[in-house]
Amino acid sequence: VFVAVCFLTTPSGEAPEGTEPTVAE
């Protein structure tokens, strides 16, 4: 559960302005 919650996810902070996510969704 620890690995799934803490390492399978990414931080929920907003991305800096002018940048786009590098994944499709």
PDB file of all heavy atoms in Angstrom:
ATOM      1  N   VAL A   1       0.832  -1.203   0.000  1.00  0.00           N
ATOM      2  CA  VAL A   1       0.000   0.000   0.000  1.00  0.00           C
ATOM      3  C   VAL A   1       0.867   1.254   0.000  1.00  0.00           C
ATOM      4  O   VAL A   1       0.573   2.240  -0.696  1.00  0.00           O
ATOM      5  CB  VAL A   1      -0.950  -0.016   1.213  1.00  0.00           C
ATOM      6  CG1 VAL A   1      -1.736   1.284   1.300  1.00  0.00           C
ATOM      7  CG2 VAL A   1      -1.895  -1.209   1.142  1.00  0.00           C
ATOM      8  N   PHE A   2       1.951   1.228   0.756  1.00  0.00           N
ATOM      9  CA  PHE A   2       2.857   2.382   0.830  1.00  0.00           C
ATOM     10  C   PHE A   2       3.451   2.698  -0.541  1.00  0.00           C
ATOM     11  O   PHE A   2       3.467   3.860  -0.977  1.00  0.00           O
ATOM     12  CB  PHE A   2       3.960   2.087   1.844  1.00  0.00           C
ATOM     13  CG  PHE A   2       5.070   3.090   1.840  1.00  0.00           C
ATOM     14  CD1 PHE A   2       4.904   4.338   2.419  1.00  0.00           C
ATOM     15  CD2 PHE A   2       6.293   2.786   1.252  1.00  0.00           C
ATOM     16  CE1 PHE A   2       5.936   5.272   2.411  1.00  0.00           C
ATOM     17  CE2 PHE A   2       7.324   3.712   1.243  1.00  0.00           C
ATOM     18  CZ  PHE A   2       7.146   4.956   1.828  1.00  0.00           C
ATOM     19  N   VAL A   3       3.937   1.676  -1.234  1.00  0.00           N
ATOM     20  CA  VAL A   3       4.523   1.902  -2.560  1.00  0.00           C
ATOM     21  C   VAL A   3       3.465   2.384  -3.546  1.00  0.00           C
ATOM     22  O   VAL A   3       3.705   3.300  -4.344  1.00  0.00           O
ATOM     23  CB  VAL A   3       5.200   0.609  -3.065  1.00  0.00           C
ATOM     24  CG1 VAL A   3       5.646   0.771  -4.515  1.00  0.00           C
ATOM     25  CG2 VAL A   3       6.391   0.263  -2.195  1.00  0.00           C
ATOM     26  N   ALA A   4       2.263   1.805  -3.482  1.00  0.00           N
ATOM     27  CA  ALA A   4       1.206   2.189  -4.415  1.00  0.00           C
ATOM     28  C   ALA A   4       0.786   3.639  -4.222  1.00  0.00           C
ATOM     29  O   ALA A   4       0.572   4.374  -5.197  1.00  0.00           O
ATOM     30  CB  ALA A   4       0.002   1.263  -4.253  1.00  0.00           C
ATOM     31  N   VAL A   5       0.679   4.085  -2.972  1.00  0.00           N
ATOM     32  CA  VAL A   5       0.187   5.439  -2.696  1.00  0.00           C
ATOM     33  C   VAL A   5       1.279   6.479  -2.868  1.00  0.00           C
ATOM     34  O   VAL A   5       1.053   7.562  -3.424  1.00  0.00           O
ATOM     35  CB  VAL A   5      -0.406   5.504  -1.275  1.00  0.00           C
ATOM     36  CG1 VAL A   5      -0.765   6.940  -0.906  1.00  0.00           C
ATOM     37  CG2 VAL A   5      -1.630   4.609  -1.167  1.00  0.00           C
ATOM     38  N   CYS A   6       2.486   6.167  -2.419  1.00  0.00           N
ATOM     39  CA  CYS A   6       3.553   7.180  -2.361  1.00  0.00           C
ATOM     40  C   CYS A   6       4.466   7.203  -3.581  1.00  0.00           C
ATOM     41  O   CYS A   6       5.107   8.225  -3.832  1.00  0.00           O
ATOM     42  CB  CYS A   6       4.390   6.964  -1.101  1.00  0.00           C
ATOM     43  SG  CYS A   6       3.458   7.156   0.439  1.00  0.00           S
ATOM     44  N   PHE A   7       4.552   6.108  -4.340  1.00  0.00           N
ATOM     45  CA  PHE A   7       5.483   6.069  -5.463  1.00  0.00           C
ATOM     46  C   PHE A   7       4.802   5.821  -6.802  1.00  0.00           C
ATOM     47  O   PHE A   7       5.398   6.095  -7.847  1.00  0.00           O
ATOM     48  CB  PHE A   7       6.553   4.995  -5.229  1.00  0.00           C
ATOM     49  CG  PHE A   7       7.494   5.317  -4.110  1.00  0.00           C
ATOM     50  CD1 PHE A   7       7.336   4.735  -2.865  1.00  0.00           C
ATOM     51  CD2 PHE A   7       8.529   6.217  -4.292  1.00  0.00           C
ATOM     52  CE1 PHE A   7       8.203   5.035  -1.823  1.00  0.00           C
ATOM     53  CE2 PHE A   7       9.395   6.530  -3.266  1.00  0.00           C
ATOM     54  CZ  PHE A   7       9.233   5.941  -2.019  1.00  0.00           C
ATOM     55  N   LEU A   8       3.593   5.291  -6.778  1.00  0.00           N
ATOM     56  CA  LEU A   8       2.888   5.102  -8.042  1.00  0.00           C
ATOM     57  C   LEU A   8       2.234   6.393  -8.499  1.00  0.00           C
ATOM     58  O   LEU A   8       1.809   6.512  -9.655  1.00  0.00           O
ATOM     59  CB  LEU A   8       1.825   4.016  -7.884  1.00  0.00           C
ATOM     60  CG  LEU A   8       1.480   3.198  -9.132  1.00  0.00           C
ATOM     61  CD1 LEU A   8       2.684   2.431  -9.620  1.00  0.00           C
ATOM     62  CD2 LEU A   8       0.318   2.253  -8.845  1.00  0.00           C
ATOM     63  N   THR A   9       2.142   7.367  -7.618  1.00  0.00           N
ATOM     64  CA  THR A   9       1.512   8.644  -7.930  1.00  0.00           C
ATOM     65  C   THR A   9       2.565   9.737  -8.082  1.00  0.00           C
ATOM     66  O   THR A   9       3.746   9.528  -7.785  1.00  0.00           O
ATOM     67  CB  THR A   9       0.531   9.033  -6.816  1.00  0.00           C
ATOM     68  OG1 THR A   9       1.245   9.113  -5.563  1.00  0.00           O
ATOM     69  CG2 THR A   9      -0.562   7.992  -6.684  1.00  0.00           C
ATOM     70  N   THR A  10       2.116  10.907  -8.536  1.00  0.00           N
ATOM     71  CA  THR A  10       2.979  12.072  -8.664  1.00  0.00           C
ATOM     72  C   THR A  10       2.413  13.202  -7.816  1.00  0.00           C
ATOM     73  O   THR A  10       1.215  13.219  -7.520  1.00  0.00           O
ATOM     74  CB  THR A  10       3.070  12.525 -10.127  1.00  0.00           C
ATOM     75  OG1 THR A  10       1.754  12.691 -10.648  1.00  0.00           O
ATOM     76  CG2 THR A  10       3.816  11.504 -10.962  1.00  0.00           C
ATOM     77  N   PRO A  11       3.251  14.156  -7.413  1.00  0.00           N
ATOM     78  CA  PRO A  11       2.760  15.245  -6.565  1.00  0.00           C
ATOM     79  C   PRO A  11       1.617  15.999  -7.222  1.00  0.00           C
ATOM     80  O   PRO A  11       1.584  16.186  -8.439  1.00  0.00           O
ATOM     81  CB  PRO A  11       3.995  16.137  -6.376  1.00  0.00           C
ATOM     82  CG  PRO A  11       5.158  15.231  -6.599  1.00  0.00           C
ATOM     83  CD  PRO A  11       4.700  14.240  -7.629  1.00  0.00           C
ATOM     84  N   SER A  12       0.686  16.464  -6.409  1.00  0.00           N
ATOM     85  CA  SER A  12      -0.499  17.142  -6.930  1.00  0.00           C
ATOM     86  C   SER A  12      -0.312  18.634  -7.071  1.00  0.00           C
ATOM     87  O   SER A  12      -1.265  19.348  -7.346  1.00  0.00           O
ATOM     88  CB  SER A  12      -1.699  16.889  -6.005  1.00  0.00           C
ATOM     89  OG  SER A  12      -1.418  17.353  -4.688  1.00  0.00           O
ATOM     90  N   GLY A  13       0.893  19.157  -6.854  1.00  0.00           N
ATOM     91  CA  GLY A  13       1.144  20.583  -7.021  1.00  0.00           C
ATOM     92  C   GLY A  13       0.929  21.007  -8.446  1.00  0.00           C
ATOM     93  O   GLY A  13       1.105  20.238  -9.395  1.00  0.00           O
ATOM     94  N   GLU A  14       0.534  22.265  -8.630  1.00  0.00           N
ATOM     95  CA  GLU A  14       0.284  22.785  -9.967  1.00  0.00           C
ATOM     96  C   GLU A  14       1.590  22.953 -10.713  1.00  0.00           C
ATOM     97  O   GLU A  14       2.613  23.312 -10.152  1.00  0.00           O
ATOM     98  CB  GLU A  14      -0.432  24.133  -9.892  1.00  0.00           C
ATOM     99  CG  GLU A  14      -1.816  24.039  -9.259  1.00  0.00           C
ATOM    100  CD  GLU A  14      -2.509  25.376  -9.265  1.00  0.00           C
ATOM    101  OE1 GLU A  14      -1.877  26.349  -9.708  1.00  0.00           O
ATOM    102  OE2 GLU A  14      -3.667  25.445  -8.834  1.00  0.00           O
ATOM    103  N   ALA A  15       1.527  22.690 -11.983  1.00  0.00           N
ATOM    104  CA  ALA A  15       2.702  22.833 -12.824  1.00  0.00           C
ATOM    105  C   ALA A  15       3.016  24.300 -13.026  1.00  0.00           C
ATOM    106  O   ALA A  15       2.130  25.157 -13.026  1.00  0.00           O
ATOM    107  CB  ALA A  15       2.472  22.161 -14.189  1.00  0.00           C
ATOM    108  N   PRO A  16       4.294  24.669 -13.215  1.00  0.00           N
ATOM    109  CA  PRO A  16       4.650  26.060 -13.471  1.00  0.00           C
ATOM    110  C   PRO A  16       3.991  26.579 -14.729  1.00  0.00           C
ATOM    111  O   PRO A  16       3.665  25.833 -15.640  1.00  0.00           O
ATOM    112  CB  PRO A  16       6.189  25.990 -13.622  1.00  0.00           C
ATOM    113  CG  PRO A  16       6.599  24.719 -12.956  1.00  0.00           C
ATOM    114  CD  PRO A  16       5.454  23.782 -13.113  1.00  0.00           C
ATOM    115  N   GLU A  17       3.772  27.878 -14.749  1.00  0.00           N
ATOM    116  CA  GLU A  17       3.135  28.485 -15.908  1.00  0.00           C
ATOM    117  C   GLU A  17       4.007  28.324 -17.140  1.00  0.00           C
ATOM    118  O   GLU A  17       5.225  28.441 -17.082  1.00  0.00           O
ATOM    119  CB  GLU A  17       2.887  29.973 -15.651  1.00  0.00           C
ATOM    120  CG  GLU A  17       1.902  30.234 -14.518  1.00  0.00           C
ATOM    121  CD  GLU A  17       1.639  31.717 -14.361  1.00  0.00           C
ATOM    122  OE1 GLU A  17       2.230  32.498 -15.145  1.00  0.00           O
ATOM    123  OE2 GLU A  17       0.870  32.090 -13.467  1.00  0.00           O
ATOM    124  N   GLY A  18       3.319  28.093 -18.250  1.00  0.00           N
ATOM    125  CA  GLY A  18       4.040  27.958 -19.511  1.00  0.00           C
ATOM    126  C   GLY A  18       4.538  26.561 -19.786  1.00  0.00           C
ATOM    127  O   GLY A  18       5.209  26.330 -20.775  1.00  0.00           O
ATOM    128  N   THR A  19       4.265  25.595 -18.883  1.00  0.00           N
ATOM    129  CA  THR A  19       4.710  24.229 -19.108  1.00  0.00           C
ATOM    130  C   THR A  19       3.505  23.351 -19.324  1.00  0.00           C
ATOM    131  O   THR A  19       2.415  23.635 -18.857  1.00  0.00           O
ATOM    132  CB  THR A  19       5.515  23.712 -17.907  1.00  0.00           C
ATOM    133  OG1 THR A  19       4.659  23.733 -16.744  1.00  0.00           O
ATOM    134  CG2 THR A  19       6.727  24.585 -17.661  1.00  0.00           C
ATOM    135  N   GLU A  20       3.717  22.264 -20.017  1.00  0.00           N
ATOM    136  CA  GLU A  20       2.665  21.309 -20.288  1.00  0.00           C
ATOM    137  C   GLU A  20       3.090  19.968 -19.743  1.00  0.00           C
ATOM    138  O   GLU A  20       4.282  19.650 -19.710  1.00  0.00           O
ATOM    139  CB  GLU A  20       2.415  21.199 -21.798  1.00  0.00           C
ATOM    140  CG  GLU A  20       1.926  22.507 -22.412  1.00  0.00           C
ATOM    141  CD  GLU A  20       1.680  22.335 -23.891  1.00  0.00           C
ATOM    142  OE1 GLU A  20       1.979  21.240 -24.409  1.00  0.00           O
ATOM    143  OE2 GLU A  20       1.205  23.294 -24.522  1.00  0.00           O
ATOM    144  N   PRO A  21       2.132  19.139 -19.307  1.00  0.00           N
ATOM    145  CA  PRO A  21       2.498  17.816 -18.826  1.00  0.00           C
ATOM    146  C   PRO A  21       3.094  16.984 -19.937  1.00  0.00           C
ATOM    147  O   PRO A  21       2.754  17.151 -21.111  1.00  0.00           O
ATOM    148  CB  PRO A  21       1.170  17.234 -18.327  1.00  0.00           C
ATOM    149  CG  PRO A  21       0.125  18.062 -18.986  1.00  0.00           C
ATOM    150  CD  PRO A  21       0.715  19.414 -19.213  1.00  0.00           C
ATOM    151  N   THR A  22       3.985  16.079 -19.604  1.00  0.00           N
ATOM    152  CA  THR A  22       4.675  15.263 -20.588  1.00  0.00           C
ATOM    153  C   THR A  22       3.986  13.960 -20.849  1.00  0.00           C
ATOM    154  O   THR A  22       4.493  13.150 -21.593  1.00  0.00           O
ATOM    155  CB  THR A  22       6.101  14.975 -20.110  1.00  0.00           C
ATOM    156  OG1 THR A  22       6.009  14.308 -18.827  1.00  0.00           O
ATOM    157  CG2 THR A  22       6.888  16.245 -19.946  1.00  0.00           C
ATOM    158  N   VAL A  23       2.846  13.729 -20.263  1.00  0.00           N
ATOM    159  CA  VAL A  23       2.111  12.506 -20.521  1.00  0.00           C
ATOM    160  C   VAL A  23       0.802  12.854 -21.189  1.00  0.00           C
ATOM    161  O   VAL A  23       0.367  14.007 -21.208  1.00  0.00           O
ATOM    162  CB  VAL A  23       1.853  11.724 -19.214  1.00  0.00           C
ATOM    163  CG1 VAL A  23       3.142  11.215 -18.641  1.00  0.00           C
ATOM    164  CG2 VAL A  23       1.150  12.605 -18.213  1.00  0.00           C
ATOM    165  N   ALA A  24       0.155  11.833 -21.732  1.00  0.00           N
ATOM    166  CA  ALA A  24      -1.033  12.080 -22.527  1.00  0.00           C
ATOM    167  C   ALA A  24      -2.198  12.573 -21.704  1.00  0.00           C
ATOM    168  O   ALA A  24      -3.012  13.356 -22.166  1.00  0.00           O
ATOM    169  CB  ALA A  24      -1.434  10.801 -23.277  1.00  0.00           C
ATOM    170  N   GLU A  25      -2.290  12.204 -20.459  1.00  0.00           N
ATOM    171  CA  GLU A  25      -3.452  12.551 -19.657  1.00  0.00           C
ATOM    172  C   GLU A  25      -3.036  12.617 -18.215  1.00  0.00           C
ATOM    173  O   GLU A  25      -2.127  11.923 -17.780  1.00  0.00           O
ATOM    174  CB  GLU A  25      -4.531  11.474 -19.854  1.00  0.00           C
ATOM    175  CG  GLU A  25      -5.800  11.739 -19.060  1.00  0.00           C
ATOM    176  CD  GLU A  25      -6.796  10.616 -19.259  1.00  0.00           C
ATOM    177  OE1 GLU A  25      -6.476   9.703 -20.040  1.00  0.00           O
ATOM    178  OE2 GLU A  25      -7.849  10.647 -18.624  1.00  0.00           O
TER     179      GLU A  25
END
